[in-house]
All heavy atoms as atom14 arrays in JSON, in Angstrom:
{
  "sequence": "ETCRQLAVNGIGYAVLPSITLREDDPVNKIPLTDG",
  "atom14_mask": [
    [1, 1, 1, 1, 1, 1, 1, 1, 1, 0, 0, 0, 0, 0],
    [1, 1, 1, 1, 1, 1, 1, 0, 0, 0, 0, 0, 0, 0],
    [1, 1, 1, 1, 1, 1, 0, 0, 0, 0, 0, 0, 0, 0],
    [1, 1, 1, 1, 1, 1, 1, 1, 1, 1, 1, 0, 0, 0],
    [1, 1, 1, 1, 1, 1, 1, 1, 1, 0, 0, 0, 0, 0],
    [1, 1, 1, 1, 1, 1, 1, 1, 0, 0, 0, 0, 0, 0],
    [1, 1, 1, 1, 1, 0, 0, 0, 0, 0, 0, 0, 0, 0],
    [1, 1, 1, 1, 1, 1, 1, 0, 0, 0, 0, 0, 0, 0],
    [1, 1, 1, 1, 1, 1, 1, 1, 0, 0, 0, 0, 0, 0],
    [1, 1, 1, 1, 0, 0, 0, 0, 0, 0, 0, 0, 0, 0],
    [1, 1, 1, 1, 1, 1, 1, 1, 0, 0, 0, 0, 0, 0],
    [1, 1, 1, 1, 0, 0, 0, 0, 0, 0, 0, 0, 0, 0],
    [1, 1, 1, 1, 1, 1, 1, 1, 1, 1, 1, 1, 0, 0],
    [1, 1, 1, 1, 1, 0, 0, 0, 0, 0, 0, 0, 0, 0],
    [1, 1, 1, 1, 1, 1, 1, 0, 0, 0, 0, 0, 0, 0],
    [1, 1, 1, 1, 1, 1, 1, 1, 0, 0, 0, 0, 0, 0],
    [1, 1, 1, 1, 1, 1, 1, 0, 0, 0, 0, 0, 0, 0],
    [1, 1, 1, 1, 1, 1, 0, 0, 0, 0, 0, 0, 0, 0],
    [1, 1, 1, 1, 1, 1, 1, 1, 0, 0, 0, 0, 0, 0],
    [1, 1, 1, 1, 1, 1, 1, 0, 0, 0, 0, 0, 0, 0],
    [1, 1, 1, 1, 1, 1, 1, 1, 0, 0, 0, 0, 0, 0],
    [1, 1, 1, 1, 1, 1, 1, 1, 1, 1, 1, 0, 0, 0],
    [1, 1, 1, 1, 1, 1, 1, 1, 1, 0, 0, 0, 0, 0],
    [1, 1, 1, 1, 1, 1, 1, 1, 0, 0, 0, 0, 0, 0],
    [1, 1, 1, 1, 1, 1, 1, 1, 0, 0, 0, 0, 0, 0],
    [1, 1, 1, 1, 1, 1, 1, 0, 0, 0, 0, 0, 0, 0],
    [1, 1, 1, 1, 1, 1, 1, 0, 0, 0, 0, 0, 0, 0],
    [1, 1, 1, 1, 1, 1, 1, 1, 0, 0, 0, 0, 0, 0],
    [1, 1, 1, 1, 1, 1, 1, 1, 1, 0, 0, 0, 0, 0],
    [1, 1, 1, 1, 1, 1, 1, 1, 0, 0, 0, 0, 0, 0],
    [1, 1, 1, 1, 1, 1, 1, 0, 0, 0, 0, 0, 0, 0],
    [1, 1, 1, 1, 1, 1, 1, 1, 0, 0, 0, 0, 0, 0],
    [1, 1, 1, 1, 1, 1, 1, 0, 0, 0, 0, 0, 0, 0],
    [1, 1, 1, 1, 1, 1, 1, 1, 0, 0, 0, 0, 0, 0],
    [1, 1, 1, 1, 0, 0, 0, 0, 0, 0, 0, 0, 0, 0]
  ],
  "atom14_positions": [
    [[91.79, 113.24, 113.26], [91.62, 114.04, 114.47], [92.75, 115.05, 114.6], [92.52, 116.18, 115.07], [91.56, 113.13, 115.7], [91.43, 113.86, 117.03], [90.18, 114.73, 117.14], [89.22, 114.52, 116.37], [90.16, 115.63, 118.01], [0.0, 0.0, 0.0], [0.0, 0.0, 0.0], [0.0, 0.0, 0.0], [0.0, 0.0, 0.0], [0.0, 0.0, 0.0]],
    [[93.96, 114.68, 114.19], [95.07, 115.65, 114.18], [94.75, 116.79, 113.23], [94.98, 117.97, 113.54], [96.37, 114.96, 113.74], [96.63, 113.85, 114.59], [97.54, 115.93, 113.82], [0.0, 0.0, 0.0], [0.0, 0.0, 0.0], [0.0, 0.0, 0.0], [0.0, 0.0, 0.0], [0.0, 0.0, 0.0], [0.0, 0.0, 0.0], [0.0, 0.0, 0.0]],
    [[94.21, 116.45, 112.07], [93.81, 117.45, 111.08], [92.78, 118.41, 111.69], [92.89, 119.63, 111.56], [93.22, 116.72, 109.87], [92.9, 117.75, 108.44], [0.0, 0.0, 0.0], [0.0, 0.0, 0.0], [0.0, 0.0, 0.0], [0.0, 0.0, 0.0], [0.0, 0.0, 0.0], [0.0, 0.0, 0.0], [0.0, 0.0, 0.0], [0.0, 0.0, 0.0]],
    [[91.78, 117.86, 112.37], [90.75, 118.7, 112.99], [91.32, 119.6, 114.07], [91.0, 120.8, 114.15], [89.65, 117.8, 113.58], [88.41, 118.57, 114.02], [87.46, 117.69, 114.81], [87.91, 117.51, 116.17], [87.64, 118.36, 117.17], [86.94, 119.45, 116.95], [88.1, 118.12, 118.38], [0.0, 0.0, 0.0], [0.0, 0.0, 0.0], [0.0, 0.0, 0.0]],
    [[92.18, 119.05, 114.91], [92.75, 119.83, 116.0], [93.61, 120.99, 115.47], [93.58, 122.1, 116.03], [93.59, 118.93, 116.91], [92.8, 117.98, 117.78], [92.04, 118.7, 118.87], [92.3, 119.86, 119.18], [91.07, 118.02, 119.46], [0.0, 0.0, 0.0], [0.0, 0.0, 0.0], [0.0, 0.0, 0.0], [0.0, 0.0, 0.0], [0.0, 0.0, 0.0]],
    [[94.35, 120.75, 114.41], [95.17, 121.83, 113.83], [94.29, 122.94, 113.28], [94.6, 124.13, 113.44], [96.07, 121.28, 112.73], [97.19, 120.33, 113.19], [97.97, 119.79, 111.99], [98.15, 121.05, 114.13], [0.0, 0.0, 0.0], [0.0, 0.0, 0.0], [0.0, 0.0, 0.0], [0.0, 0.0, 0.0], [0.0, 0.0, 0.0], [0.0, 0.0, 0.0]],
    [[93.17, 122.57, 112.66], [92.25, 123.58, 112.14], [91.56, 124.34, 113.27], [91.48, 125.58, 113.25], [91.22, 122.94, 111.23], [0.0, 0.0, 0.0], [0.0, 0.0, 0.0], [0.0, 0.0, 0.0], [0.0, 0.0, 0.0], [0.0, 0.0, 0.0], [0.0, 0.0, 0.0], [0.0, 0.0, 0.0], [0.0, 0.0, 0.0], [0.0, 0.0, 0.0]],
    [[91.07, 123.62, 114.27], [90.37, 124.25, 115.39], [91.29, 125.17, 116.17], [90.86, 126.2, 116.69], [89.77, 123.16, 116.31], [89.27, 123.75, 117.62], [88.63, 122.44, 115.59], [0.0, 0.0, 0.0], [0.0, 0.0, 0.0], [0.0, 0.0, 0.0], [0.0, 0.0, 0.0], [0.0, 0.0, 0.0], [0.0, 0.0, 0.0], [0.0, 0.0, 0.0]],
    [[92.57, 124.83, 116.23], [93.53, 125.67, 116.97], [94.19, 126.73, 116.11], [95.16, 127.36, 116.53], [94.58, 124.78, 117.63], [94.04, 124.06, 118.86], [93.97, 124.64, 119.94], [93.64, 122.81, 118.7], [0.0, 0.0, 0.0], [0.0, 0.0, 0.0], [0.0, 0.0, 0.0], [0.0, 0.0, 0.0], [0.0, 0.0, 0.0], [0.0, 0.0, 0.0]],
    [[93.69, 126.92, 114.89], [94.13, 128.04, 114.07], [95.44, 127.85, 113.34], [96.01, 128.83, 112.85], [0.0, 0.0, 0.0], [0.0, 0.0, 0.0], [0.0, 0.0, 0.0], [0.0, 0.0, 0.0], [0.0, 0.0, 0.0], [0.0, 0.0, 0.0], [0.0, 0.0, 0.0], [0.0, 0.0, 0.0], [0.0, 0.0, 0.0], [0.0, 0.0, 0.0]],
    [[95.93, 126.62, 113.23], [97.2, 126.38, 112.54], [97.04, 126.53, 111.04], [97.94, 126.98, 110.33], [97.76, 124.99, 112.89], [97.84, 124.81, 114.41], [99.12, 124.77, 112.24], [98.69, 125.85, 115.1], [0.0, 0.0, 0.0], [0.0, 0.0, 0.0], [0.0, 0.0, 0.0], [0.0, 0.0, 0.0], [0.0, 0.0, 0.0], [0.0, 0.0, 0.0]],
    [[95.9, 126.15, 110.51], [95.64, 126.22, 109.09], [94.2, 125.85, 108.8], [93.4, 125.66, 109.72], [0.0, 0.0, 0.0], [0.0, 0.0, 0.0], [0.0, 0.0, 0.0], [0.0, 0.0, 0.0], [0.0, 0.0, 0.0], [0.0, 0.0, 0.0], [0.0, 0.0, 0.0], [0.0, 0.0, 0.0], [0.0, 0.0, 0.0], [0.0, 0.0, 0.0]],
    [[93.87, 125.73, 107.52], [92.51, 125.35, 107.15], [92.5, 123.91, 106.66], [93.51, 123.38, 106.21], [91.95, 126.3, 106.09], [92.68, 126.32, 104.77], [92.26, 125.55, 103.69], [93.8, 127.14, 104.58], [92.92, 125.58, 102.47], [94.48, 127.18, 103.37], [94.03, 126.4, 102.32], [94.69, 126.43, 101.12], [0.0, 0.0, 0.0], [0.0, 0.0, 0.0]],
    [[91.33, 123.29, 106.74], [91.19, 121.89, 106.36], [89.82, 121.64, 105.76], [88.89, 122.43, 105.95], [91.4, 120.99, 107.58], [0.0, 0.0, 0.0], [0.0, 0.0, 0.0], [0.0, 0.0, 0.0], [0.0, 0.0, 0.0], [0.0, 0.0, 0.0], [0.0, 0.0, 0.0], [0.0, 0.0, 0.0], [0.0, 0.0, 0.0], [0.0, 0.0, 0.0]],
    [[89.7, 120.54, 105.03], [88.4, 120.06, 104.55], [88.05, 118.84, 105.38], [88.76, 117.83, 105.35], [88.46, 119.72, 103.05], [87.14, 119.08, 102.61], [88.73, 120.97, 102.22], [0.0, 0.0, 0.0], [0.0, 0.0, 0.0], [0.0, 0.0, 0.0], [0.0, 0.0, 0.0], [0.0, 0.0, 0.0], [0.0, 0.0, 0.0], [0.0, 0.0, 0.0]],
    [[86.94, 118.94, 106.12], [86.59, 117.89, 107.08], [85.13, 117.45, 106.92], [84.26, 118.28, 106.63], [86.8, 118.39, 108.51], [88.24, 118.7, 108.93], [88.26, 119.4, 110.27], [89.06, 117.42, 108.98], [0.0, 0.0, 0.0], [0.0, 0.0, 0.0], [0.0, 0.0, 0.0], [0.0, 0.0, 0.0], [0.0, 0.0, 0.0], [0.0, 0.0, 0.0]],
    [[84.85, 116.16, 107.13], [83.47, 115.68, 107.08], [82.7, 116.13, 108.32], [83.26, 116.3, 109.4], [83.62, 114.16, 107.04], [84.96, 113.9, 107.63], [85.82, 115.06, 107.3], [0.0, 0.0, 0.0], [0.0, 0.0, 0.0], [0.0, 0.0, 0.0], [0.0, 0.0, 0.0], [0.0, 0.0, 0.0], [0.0, 0.0, 0.0], [0.0, 0.0, 0.0]],
    [[81.39, 116.3, 108.14], [80.57, 116.82, 109.23], [80.57, 115.92, 110.46], [80.36, 116.4, 111.57], [79.13, 117.02, 108.74], [78.62, 115.83, 108.16], [0.0, 0.0, 0.0], [0.0, 0.0, 0.0], [0.0, 0.0, 0.0], [0.0, 0.0, 0.0], [0.0, 0.0, 0.0], [0.0, 0.0, 0.0], [0.0, 0.0, 0.0], [0.0, 0.0, 0.0]],
    [[80.83, 114.62, 110.28], [80.83, 113.7, 111.41], [81.91, 114.05, 112.43], [81.8, 113.72, 113.61], [81.01, 112.24, 110.91], [80.71, 111.24, 112.03], [82.4, 112.01, 110.36], [80.76, 109.8, 111.59], [0.0, 0.0, 0.0], [0.0, 0.0, 0.0], [0.0, 0.0, 0.0], [0.0, 0.0, 0.0], [0.0, 0.0, 0.0], [0.0, 0.0, 0.0]],
    [[82.96, 114.75, 111.99], [84.05, 115.1, 112.9], [83.84, 116.44, 113.59], [84.57, 116.77, 114.53], [85.38, 115.18, 112.13], [85.34, 116.27, 111.2], [85.65, 113.89, 111.38], [0.0, 0.0, 0.0], [0.0, 0.0, 0.0], [0.0, 0.0, 0.0], [0.0, 0.0, 0.0], [0.0, 0.0, 0.0], [0.0, 0.0, 0.0], [0.0, 0.0, 0.0]],
    [[82.88, 117.24, 113.12], [82.73, 118.61, 113.61], [81.75, 118.68, 114.78], [80.75, 117.96, 114.82], [82.26, 119.51, 112.48], [83.17, 119.55, 111.25], [82.56, 120.41, 110.15], [84.56, 120.06, 111.62], [0.0, 0.0, 0.0], [0.0, 0.0, 0.0], [0.0, 0.0, 0.0], [0.0, 0.0, 0.0], [0.0, 0.0, 0.0], [0.0, 0.0, 0.0]],
    [[82.05, 119.6, 115.7], [81.21, 119.79, 116.86], [80.59, 121.18, 116.8], [81.17, 122.12, 116.25], [82.04, 119.63, 118.14], [82.75, 118.29, 118.23], [83.77, 118.27, 119.34], [84.55, 117.04, 119.32], [85.64, 116.85, 120.05], [86.08, 117.79, 120.86], [86.29, 115.69, 119.96], [0.0, 0.0, 0.0], [0.0, 0.0, 0.0], [0.0, 0.0, 0.0]],
    [[79.42, 121.3, 117.38], [78.72, 122.58, 117.32], [79.51, 123.71, 117.98], [79.42, 124.86, 117.56], [77.35, 122.45, 117.99], [76.36, 121.59, 117.2], [74.99, 121.57, 117.83], [74.79, 122.31, 118.84], [74.11, 120.84, 117.34], [0.0, 0.0, 0.0], [0.0, 0.0, 0.0], [0.0, 0.0, 0.0], [0.0, 0.0, 0.0], [0.0, 0.0, 0.0]],
    [[80.28, 123.38, 119.02], [80.99, 124.42, 119.74], [82.42, 124.64, 119.23], [83.19, 125.38, 119.84], [81.04, 124.09, 121.23], [81.7, 122.75, 121.53], [81.97, 121.99, 120.58], [81.95, 122.46, 122.72], [0.0, 0.0, 0.0], [0.0, 0.0, 0.0], [0.0, 0.0, 0.0], [0.0, 0.0, 0.0], [0.0, 0.0, 0.0], [0.0, 0.0, 0.0]],
    [[82.81, 124.01, 118.11], [84.13, 124.27, 117.54], [84.22, 125.75, 117.11], [83.39, 126.21, 116.33], [84.38, 123.38, 116.31], [84.73, 121.95, 116.69], [85.16, 121.74, 117.83], [84.58, 121.07, 115.83], [0.0, 0.0, 0.0], [0.0, 0.0, 0.0], [0.0, 0.0, 0.0], [0.0, 0.0, 0.0], [0.0, 0.0, 0.0], [0.0, 0.0, 0.0]],
    [[85.23, 126.49, 117.62], [85.33, 127.93, 117.33], [85.94, 128.23, 115.97], [86.99, 128.87, 115.85], [86.23, 128.43, 118.47], [87.14, 127.27, 118.74], [86.3, 126.03, 118.52], [0.0, 0.0, 0.0], [0.0, 0.0, 0.0], [0.0, 0.0, 0.0], [0.0, 0.0, 0.0], [0.0, 0.0, 0.0], [0.0, 0.0, 0.0], [0.0, 0.0, 0.0]],
    [[85.3, 127.74, 114.91], [85.82, 127.9, 113.55], [84.68, 128.23, 112.59], [83.51, 128.01, 112.89], [86.54, 126.62, 113.07], [87.84, 126.4, 113.82], [85.61, 125.42, 113.19], [0.0, 0.0, 0.0], [0.0, 0.0, 0.0], [0.0, 0.0, 0.0], [0.0, 0.0, 0.0], [0.0, 0.0, 0.0], [0.0, 0.0, 0.0], [0.0, 0.0, 0.0]],
    [[85.04, 128.74, 111.42], [84.08, 128.92, 110.34], [83.93, 127.58, 109.62], [84.93, 126.94, 109.29], [84.56, 129.99, 109.36], [84.8, 131.33, 110.06], [83.95, 131.77, 110.83], [85.94, 131.95, 109.79], [0.0, 0.0, 0.0], [0.0, 0.0, 0.0], [0.0, 0.0, 0.0], [0.0, 0.0, 0.0], [0.0, 0.0, 0.0], [0.0, 0.0, 0.0]],
    [[82.7, 127.18, 109.38], [82.42, 125.93, 108.69], [81.71, 126.26, 107.38], [80.53, 126.6, 107.36], [81.55, 125.02, 109.56], [82.19, 124.72, 110.92], [81.2, 124.12, 111.91], [81.8, 124.02, 113.3], [80.81, 123.6, 114.31], [0.0, 0.0, 0.0], [0.0, 0.0, 0.0], [0.0, 0.0, 0.0], [0.0, 0.0, 0.0], [0.0, 0.0, 0.0]],
    [[82.46, 126.17, 106.29], [81.98, 126.61, 104.99], [81.57, 125.4, 104.15], [82.42, 124.56, 103.8], [83.06, 127.41, 104.25], [83.55, 128.56, 105.15], [82.57, 127.93, 102.92], [84.91, 129.1, 104.76], [0.0, 0.0, 0.0], [0.0, 0.0, 0.0], [0.0, 0.0, 0.0], [0.0, 0.0, 0.0], [0.0, 0.0, 0.0], [0.0, 0.0, 0.0]],
    [[80.29, 125.26, 103.82], [79.87, 124.11, 103.01], [80.45, 124.17, 101.61], [80.49, 125.23, 100.99], [78.34, 124.22, 103.0], [78.06, 125.66, 103.27], [79.17, 126.14, 104.16], [0.0, 0.0, 0.0], [0.0, 0.0, 0.0], [0.0, 0.0, 0.0], [0.0, 0.0, 0.0], [0.0, 0.0, 0.0], [0.0, 0.0, 0.0], [0.0, 0.0, 0.0]],
    [[80.91, 123.03, 101.11], [81.49, 122.97, 99.77], [80.38, 122.57, 98.8], [80.14, 121.38, 98.55], [82.65, 121.97, 99.74], [83.8, 122.28, 100.71], [84.89, 121.23, 100.58], [84.36, 123.67, 100.45], [0.0, 0.0, 0.0], [0.0, 0.0, 0.0], [0.0, 0.0, 0.0], [0.0, 0.0, 0.0], [0.0, 0.0, 0.0], [0.0, 0.0, 0.0]],
    [[79.69, 123.56, 98.27], [78.55, 123.33, 97.39], [78.82, 123.87, 95.99], [79.71, 124.69, 95.78], [77.29, 124.02, 97.95], [77.56, 125.42, 98.12], [76.91, 123.43, 99.3], [0.0, 0.0, 0.0], [0.0, 0.0, 0.0], [0.0, 0.0, 0.0], [0.0, 0.0, 0.0], [0.0, 0.0, 0.0], [0.0, 0.0, 0.0], [0.0, 0.0, 0.0]],
    [[78.01, 123.4, 95.04], [78.12, 123.89, 93.67], [77.13, 125.04, 93.46], [76.53, 125.55, 94.42], [77.89, 122.77, 92.66], [76.51, 122.13, 92.81], [75.62, 122.76, 93.43], [76.32, 121.01, 92.32], [0.0, 0.0, 0.0], [0.0, 0.0, 0.0], [0.0, 0.0, 0.0], [0.0, 0.0, 0.0], [0.0, 0.0, 0.0], [0.0, 0.0, 0.0]],
    [[76.92, 125.42, 92.21], [76.05, 126.56, 91.93], [74.6, 126.33, 92.31], [73.84, 127.29, 92.5], [0.0, 0.0, 0.0], [0.0, 0.0, 0.0], [0.0, 0.0, 0.0], [0.0, 0.0, 0.0], [0.0, 0.0, 0.0], [0.0, 0.0, 0.0], [0.0, 0.0, 0.0], [0.0, 0.0, 0.0], [0.0, 0.0, 0.0], [0.0, 0.0, 0.0]]
  ]
}
């Protein structure tokens, strides 16, 4: 949750599971997919 809060508040970027993310989080959510 600390990791998520730092990312949501613009401190840095993080890799987070979808279970932690909320629809209204003001961040870019980039899926980590292959080709």
